[in-house]
Amino acid sequence: MKNIRFLKEIWKASRPLSLTLAFYSTTLGMAVAHLEGNLFSGSLAFDLKLIFLVTLAGLFVQTGTNFINDYFECEYKNLHFKEGKKYSFLGQKRKAFDILIFLLGMLSFLITAFLGLYIISITTRKLILIGVLGIIGGYAYTGEPIVYKKRGLGTPLSFLLMGPLMVMGTHLAFSQYYSWRPIILGLPISLLIPVLMLSNELRDYERDKSLGIKTLTVRIGFKKGKMLYLFLLSSSYLLTIIFVILNLYPAAALLSLLTLPLAVKAYQNVAEAEKKGVPVTNQLHLTFGLIQLLALFLF
């Protein structure tokens, strides 16, 4: 039973449900490559291998980010939990389990680096900069000494790293050239990444404020945080409509408008700092993103 609980805690720290962010972003880059006729090279075995490796690299870099985030924030989450022997680690006294979580995070980044180097060897060296930025950005979200989350940059940089950077990097692996197209066409789904980050910040606003964690929402205030959440959420739907009108998206993408009632529910919960705001926003991201990706691939 103890081993099962131990594994469950590791599983929990990896935050598997959040991995849809990386999965959707890598898939989105492939979808744009597909629209341009660059997804398949003519060798099915090579193409399937590349699809698998790029997706895996995206999942590992986010898993590493999640583990590192859990390590550096456990002092806030488990403020009153003092059981267990502590050891000196990186200048602090930490429990063995906390140290394991940190090491698993670094291992995830190491696996990402090896995957990235192999992908680069079979595609293009242009991916090097994107890969390095992705790993550094993933660690620095809550990792010392940068901790850009506490500088109010968590939401915007999460958007850039997990959205445009990952989408463009995936597209680059298949197209072999830099392009603004995947970034622009990926915005309706990518904008839901900062929306999800804001749902967390709005939920934790009072706690973060009392602990001196200066997230973007703490810096701009709860009311402006809600307004930003609503603006980004509305922009995802508005851009979808505009892209369909401009023939950049297939008309089937308009089916994502069916998720509007879920979007309203998400905002209502977030606006009241309800805990349900985060899972409902995550559900919205899952549903909205799935509809859009299917539309881009199948129509």
Protein backbone atom coordinates (compact mmCIF):
# COMPACT_ATOMS: atom_id res chain seq x y z
CA MET A 1 0.00 0.00 0.00
CA LYS A 2 2.83 2.37 0.85
CA ASN A 3 4.46 1.81 -2.56
CA ILE A 4 1.13 2.42 -4.31
CA ARG A 5 0.66 5.67 -2.43
CA PHE A 6 4.25 6.65 -3.27
CA LEU A 7 3.64 6.10 -6.99
CA LYS A 8 0.34 7.96 -6.81
CA GLU A 9 2.11 10.97 -5.31
CA ILE A 10 4.67 10.94 -8.14
CA TRP A 11 1.86 10.61 -10.68
CA LYS A 12 0.08 13.53 -9.03
CA ALA A 13 3.24 15.67 -9.10
CA SER A 14 3.61 15.06 -12.85
CA ARG A 15 0.11 16.53 -13.37
CA PRO A 16 -0.78 14.23 -16.27
CA LEU A 17 -4.05 16.02 -17.06
CA SER A 18 -2.12 19.20 -17.89
CA LEU A 19 -0.10 17.39 -20.56
CA THR A 20 -2.86 18.12 -23.06
CA LEU A 21 -1.23 21.57 -23.39
CA ALA A 22 1.92 20.06 -24.90
CA PHE A 23 0.00 17.42 -26.83
CA TYR A 24 -2.31 19.98 -28.44
CA SER A 25 0.53 22.39 -29.25
CA THR A 26 2.65 19.75 -30.96
CA THR A 27 -0.40 18.38 -32.77
CA LEU A 28 -1.33 21.91 -33.82
CA GLY A 29 2.09 22.40 -35.42
CA MET A 30 1.55 19.15 -37.31
CA ALA A 31 -1.92 20.25 -38.37
CA VAL A 32 -0.55 23.42 -39.97
CA ALA A 33 2.18 21.37 -41.66
CA HIS A 34 -0.60 19.08 -42.92
CA LEU A 35 -2.53 22.05 -44.37
CA GLU A 36 0.63 23.04 -46.26
CA GLY A 37 1.33 19.48 -47.44
CA ASN A 38 4.51 19.18 -45.32
CA LEU A 39 3.44 16.61 -42.74
CA PHE A 40 4.27 13.55 -44.82
CA SER A 41 7.55 13.28 -46.73
CA GLY A 42 6.77 10.11 -48.68
CA SER A 43 8.34 7.72 -46.19
CA LEU A 44 5.55 6.64 -43.85
CA ALA A 45 7.92 4.94 -41.39
CA PHE A 46 10.04 8.10 -41.07
CA ASP A 47 7.01 10.37 -40.77
CA LEU A 48 5.36 8.27 -38.07
CA LYS A 49 8.65 8.12 -36.15
CA LEU A 50 9.03 11.90 -36.33
CA ILE A 51 5.44 12.46 -35.23
CA PHE A 52 6.00 10.18 -32.24
CA LEU A 53 9.35 11.74 -31.26
CA VAL A 54 8.17 15.35 -31.52
CA THR A 55 5.07 14.58 -29.45
CA LEU A 56 7.15 12.73 -26.87
CA ALA A 57 9.64 15.60 -26.58
CA GLY A 58 6.78 18.03 -25.99
CA LEU A 59 5.27 15.82 -23.29
CA PHE A 60 8.60 15.36 -21.51
CA VAL A 61 9.46 19.06 -21.43
CA GLN A 62 6.10 19.81 -19.84
CA THR A 63 6.43 16.90 -17.42
CA GLY A 64 9.81 18.31 -16.37
CA THR A 65 8.21 21.72 -15.88
CA ASN A 66 5.46 20.18 -13.76
CA PHE A 67 7.91 18.29 -11.52
CA ILE A 68 10.12 21.35 -10.99
CA ASN A 69 7.05 23.45 -10.28
CA ASP A 70 5.90 20.92 -7.70
CA TYR A 71 9.33 20.88 -6.04
CA PHE A 72 9.66 24.64 -5.68
CA GLU A 73 6.03 25.24 -4.70
CA CYS A 74 5.57 22.36 -2.25
CA GLU A 75 6.71 24.69 0.52
CA TYR A 76 3.54 26.70 -0.10
CA LYS A 77 1.23 23.77 -0.74
CA ASN A 78 2.36 21.78 2.30
CA LEU A 79 2.95 24.67 4.67
CA HIS A 80 1.87 22.71 7.75
CA PHE A 81 3.23 19.31 6.74
CA LYS A 82 6.45 18.76 8.70
CA GLU A 83 6.70 14.99 8.95
CA GLY A 84 9.71 13.08 7.68
CA LYS A 85 13.45 13.56 7.89
CA LYS A 86 14.92 16.45 5.92
CA TYR A 87 18.23 16.62 4.06
CA SER A 88 20.37 19.49 2.85
CA PHE A 89 19.69 19.98 -0.85
CA LEU A 90 20.48 23.03 -2.99
CA GLY A 91 20.98 25.14 0.10
CA GLN A 92 17.70 24.14 1.77
CA LYS A 93 16.35 21.41 4.02
CA ARG A 94 14.09 19.20 1.95
CA LYS A 95 12.39 15.83 2.39
CA ALA A 96 13.58 12.83 0.38
CA PHE A 97 10.38 12.79 -1.67
CA ASP A 98 10.81 16.46 -2.60
CA ILE A 99 14.37 15.79 -3.76
CA LEU A 100 13.14 12.84 -5.84
CA ILE A 101 10.58 15.09 -7.54
CA PHE A 102 13.32 17.60 -8.41
CA LEU A 103 15.54 14.85 -9.83
CA LEU A 104 12.64 13.45 -11.88
CA GLY A 105 12.11 16.93 -13.28
CA MET A 106 15.75 17.23 -14.32
CA LEU A 107 15.63 13.71 -15.76
CA SER A 108 12.60 14.71 -17.84
CA PHE A 109 14.51 17.71 -19.21
CA LEU A 110 17.50 15.47 -19.95
CA ILE A 111 15.29 13.05 -21.89
CA THR A 112 13.82 16.05 -23.74
CA ALA A 113 17.34 17.18 -24.66
CA PHE A 114 18.33 13.74 -26.00
CA LEU A 115 15.09 13.50 -27.98
CA GLY A 116 15.65 17.01 -29.30
CA LEU A 117 19.19 16.25 -30.41
CA TYR A 118 18.03 13.17 -32.27
CA ILE A 119 15.16 15.07 -33.92
CA ILE A 120 17.63 17.77 -34.96
CA SER A 121 19.95 15.13 -36.44
CA ILE A 122 17.21 13.83 -38.73
CA THR A 123 15.54 17.17 -39.56
CA THR A 124 17.17 20.59 -39.20
CA ARG A 125 19.64 22.42 -36.95
CA LYS A 126 17.27 25.37 -36.90
CA LEU A 127 15.50 23.62 -34.02
CA ILE A 128 18.43 24.06 -31.60
CA LEU A 129 17.47 27.53 -30.36
CA ILE A 130 13.81 26.58 -29.90
CA GLY A 131 14.78 23.45 -27.97
CA VAL A 132 17.15 25.32 -25.64
CA LEU A 133 14.59 28.06 -24.97
CA GLY A 134 11.92 25.45 -24.27
CA ILE A 135 13.97 23.61 -21.64
CA ILE A 136 15.30 26.76 -19.94
CA GLY A 137 11.84 28.31 -19.98
CA GLY A 138 10.28 25.18 -18.52
CA TYR A 139 12.73 25.09 -15.62
CA ALA A 140 12.66 28.83 -14.95
CA TYR A 141 8.85 28.95 -14.55
CA THR A 142 9.30 28.30 -10.82
CA GLY A 143 12.93 27.14 -10.72
CA GLU A 144 15.49 29.14 -8.77
CA PRO A 145 17.08 31.58 -9.31
CA ILE A 146 14.89 32.99 -12.10
CA VAL A 147 11.34 32.05 -11.01
CA TYR A 148 9.59 34.20 -13.60
CA LYS A 149 6.20 33.21 -12.18
CA LYS A 150 6.94 35.38 -9.14
CA ARG A 151 7.87 38.25 -11.46
CA GLY A 152 4.42 38.30 -12.98
CA LEU A 153 5.66 36.60 -16.16
CA GLY A 154 4.21 33.14 -15.59
CA THR A 155 1.12 33.63 -17.72
CA PRO A 156 2.68 35.47 -20.71
CA LEU A 157 5.78 33.26 -20.88
CA SER A 158 3.74 30.06 -20.49
CA PHE A 159 1.74 31.23 -23.48
CA LEU A 160 4.86 31.95 -25.55
CA LEU A 161 6.70 28.75 -24.60
CA MET A 162 3.82 26.26 -24.64
CA GLY A 163 1.97 28.02 -27.45
CA PRO A 164 3.78 29.79 -30.33
CA LEU A 165 7.27 28.40 -29.59
CA MET A 166 6.15 24.77 -29.38
CA VAL A 167 3.77 25.09 -32.33
CA MET A 168 6.43 26.76 -34.49
CA GLY A 169 9.08 24.25 -33.41
CA THR A 170 6.87 21.31 -34.34
CA HIS A 171 6.03 22.89 -37.69
CA LEU A 172 9.73 23.54 -38.29
CA ALA A 173 10.59 19.87 -37.76
CA PHE A 174 8.32 18.91 -40.64
CA SER A 175 8.65 21.93 -42.96
CA GLN A 176 12.38 22.66 -42.42
CA TYR A 177 11.71 26.44 -42.50
CA TYR A 178 10.68 29.19 -40.09
CA SER A 179 7.19 30.56 -40.57
CA TRP A 180 4.74 32.89 -38.82
CA ARG A 181 1.86 30.86 -40.24
CA PRO A 182 1.74 28.16 -37.51
CA ILE A 183 1.95 30.84 -34.81
CA ILE A 184 -0.93 32.86 -36.27
CA LEU A 185 -3.14 29.89 -37.13
CA GLY A 186 -2.45 28.37 -33.73
CA LEU A 187 -3.68 31.41 -31.78
CA PRO A 188 -7.28 30.25 -31.13
CA ILE A 189 -6.02 27.20 -29.25
CA SER A 190 -2.81 28.76 -27.94
CA LEU A 191 -4.67 31.65 -26.29
CA LEU A 192 -6.42 29.15 -24.04
CA ILE A 193 -3.05 28.39 -22.43
CA PRO A 194 -2.81 31.77 -20.64
CA VAL A 195 -6.55 31.44 -19.95
CA LEU A 196 -5.82 28.22 -18.06
CA MET A 197 -2.86 29.85 -16.27
CA LEU A 198 -5.09 32.75 -15.22
CA SER A 199 -7.73 30.37 -13.88
CA ASN A 200 -5.05 29.04 -11.49
CA GLU A 201 -3.87 32.52 -10.55
CA LEU A 202 -7.39 33.82 -9.92
CA ARG A 203 -8.22 30.80 -7.78
CA ASP A 204 -5.03 31.25 -5.74
CA TYR A 205 -5.15 35.06 -5.67
CA GLU A 206 -5.69 35.48 -1.93
CA ARG A 207 -3.15 32.79 -1.02
CA ASP A 208 -0.50 34.10 -3.40
CA LYS A 209 -1.04 37.66 -2.22
CA SER A 210 -0.67 36.68 1.45
CA LEU A 211 2.50 34.70 0.71
CA GLY A 212 4.04 37.46 -1.40
CA ILE A 213 3.94 35.43 -4.62
CA LYS A 214 3.65 38.22 -7.17
CA THR A 215 1.90 36.45 -10.04
CA LEU A 216 0.49 38.52 -12.87
CA THR A 217 -2.95 38.51 -11.23
CA VAL A 218 -1.53 39.64 -7.89
CA ARG A 219 0.31 42.47 -9.65
CA ILE A 220 -2.61 43.76 -11.72
CA GLY A 221 -5.37 42.89 -9.26
CA PHE A 222 -8.21 40.37 -9.24
CA LYS A 223 -10.61 42.54 -11.28
CA LYS A 224 -8.13 43.15 -14.11
CA GLY A 225 -7.16 39.49 -14.00
CA LYS A 226 -10.80 38.56 -14.67
CA MET A 227 -10.96 41.07 -17.53
CA LEU A 228 -7.80 39.61 -19.09
CA TYR A 229 -9.22 36.09 -18.74
CA LEU A 230 -12.41 37.15 -20.52
CA PHE A 231 -10.51 39.06 -23.24
CA LEU A 232 -8.26 36.12 -24.10
CA LEU A 233 -11.15 33.67 -23.97
CA SER A 234 -13.27 35.84 -26.29
CA SER A 235 -10.31 36.29 -28.65
CA SER A 236 -10.09 32.53 -29.22
CA TYR A 237 -13.65 32.45 -30.53
CA LEU A 238 -13.36 35.72 -32.47
CA LEU A 239 -10.17 34.63 -34.24
CA THR A 240 -11.78 31.31 -35.17
CA ILE A 241 -14.61 33.15 -36.92
CA ILE A 242 -12.18 35.54 -38.65
CA PHE A 243 -9.95 32.69 -39.86
CA VAL A 244 -12.96 30.86 -41.33
CA ILE A 245 -14.12 34.03 -43.12
CA LEU A 246 -10.59 34.49 -44.54
CA ASN A 247 -10.51 30.81 -45.63
CA LEU A 248 -7.53 30.17 -43.36
CA TYR A 249 -9.61 27.65 -41.39
CA PRO A 250 -12.14 25.12 -42.70
CA ALA A 251 -15.77 25.96 -41.93
CA ALA A 252 -15.92 22.92 -39.66
CA ALA A 253 -13.81 24.87 -37.14
CA LEU A 254 -16.95 26.86 -36.35
CA LEU A 255 -18.19 23.77 -34.51
CA SER A 256 -15.95 24.94 -31.67
CA LEU A 257 -18.59 27.63 -31.03
CA LEU A 258 -20.63 24.83 -29.50
CA THR A 259 -18.34 25.12 -26.48
CA LEU A 260 -19.55 28.68 -25.71
CA PRO A 261 -21.86 27.51 -22.86
CA LEU A 262 -18.83 25.80 -21.29
CA ALA A 263 -16.82 29.02 -21.71
CA VAL A 264 -19.55 30.98 -19.91
CA LYS A 265 -19.57 28.44 -17.09
CA ALA A 266 -15.78 28.61 -16.82
CA TYR A 267 -15.79 32.40 -16.56
CA GLN A 268 -18.56 32.42 -14.00
CA ASN A 269 -16.59 30.06 -11.75
CA VAL A 270 -13.28 31.87 -12.25
CA ALA A 271 -14.87 35.27 -11.60
CA GLU A 272 -15.90 34.05 -8.14
CA ALA A 273 -12.52 32.43 -7.49
CA GLU A 274 -14.24 29.03 -7.30
CA LYS A 275 -12.05 25.93 -7.32
CA LYS A 276 -14.17 24.53 -10.13
CA GLY A 277 -12.91 27.33 -12.38
CA VAL A 278 -9.65 25.48 -13.09
CA PRO A 279 -11.08 22.05 -14.08
CA VAL A 280 -13.88 23.68 -16.09
CA THR A 281 -11.35 25.86 -17.93
CA ASN A 282 -9.25 22.76 -18.56
CA GLN A 283 -12.34 20.96 -19.89
CA LEU A 284 -12.97 23.91 -22.19
CA HIS A 285 -9.39 23.75 -23.50
CA LEU A 286 -9.75 20.02 -24.11
CA THR A 287 -13.06 20.30 -25.96
CA PHE A 288 -12.35 23.47 -27.93
CA GLY A 289 -8.89 22.24 -28.94
CA LEU A 290 -10.09 18.79 -29.96
CA ILE A 291 -12.80 20.21 -32.24
CA GLN A 292 -10.38 22.63 -33.89
CA LEU A 293 -7.66 20.02 -34.43
CA LEU A 294 -10.11 17.55 -35.94
CA ALA A 295 -11.38 20.30 -38.24
CA LEU A 296 -7.84 21.15 -39.39
CA PHE A 297 -6.90 17.52 -40.02
CA LEU A 298 -10.11 16.12 -41.48
CA PHE A 299 -11.57 18.92 -43.59
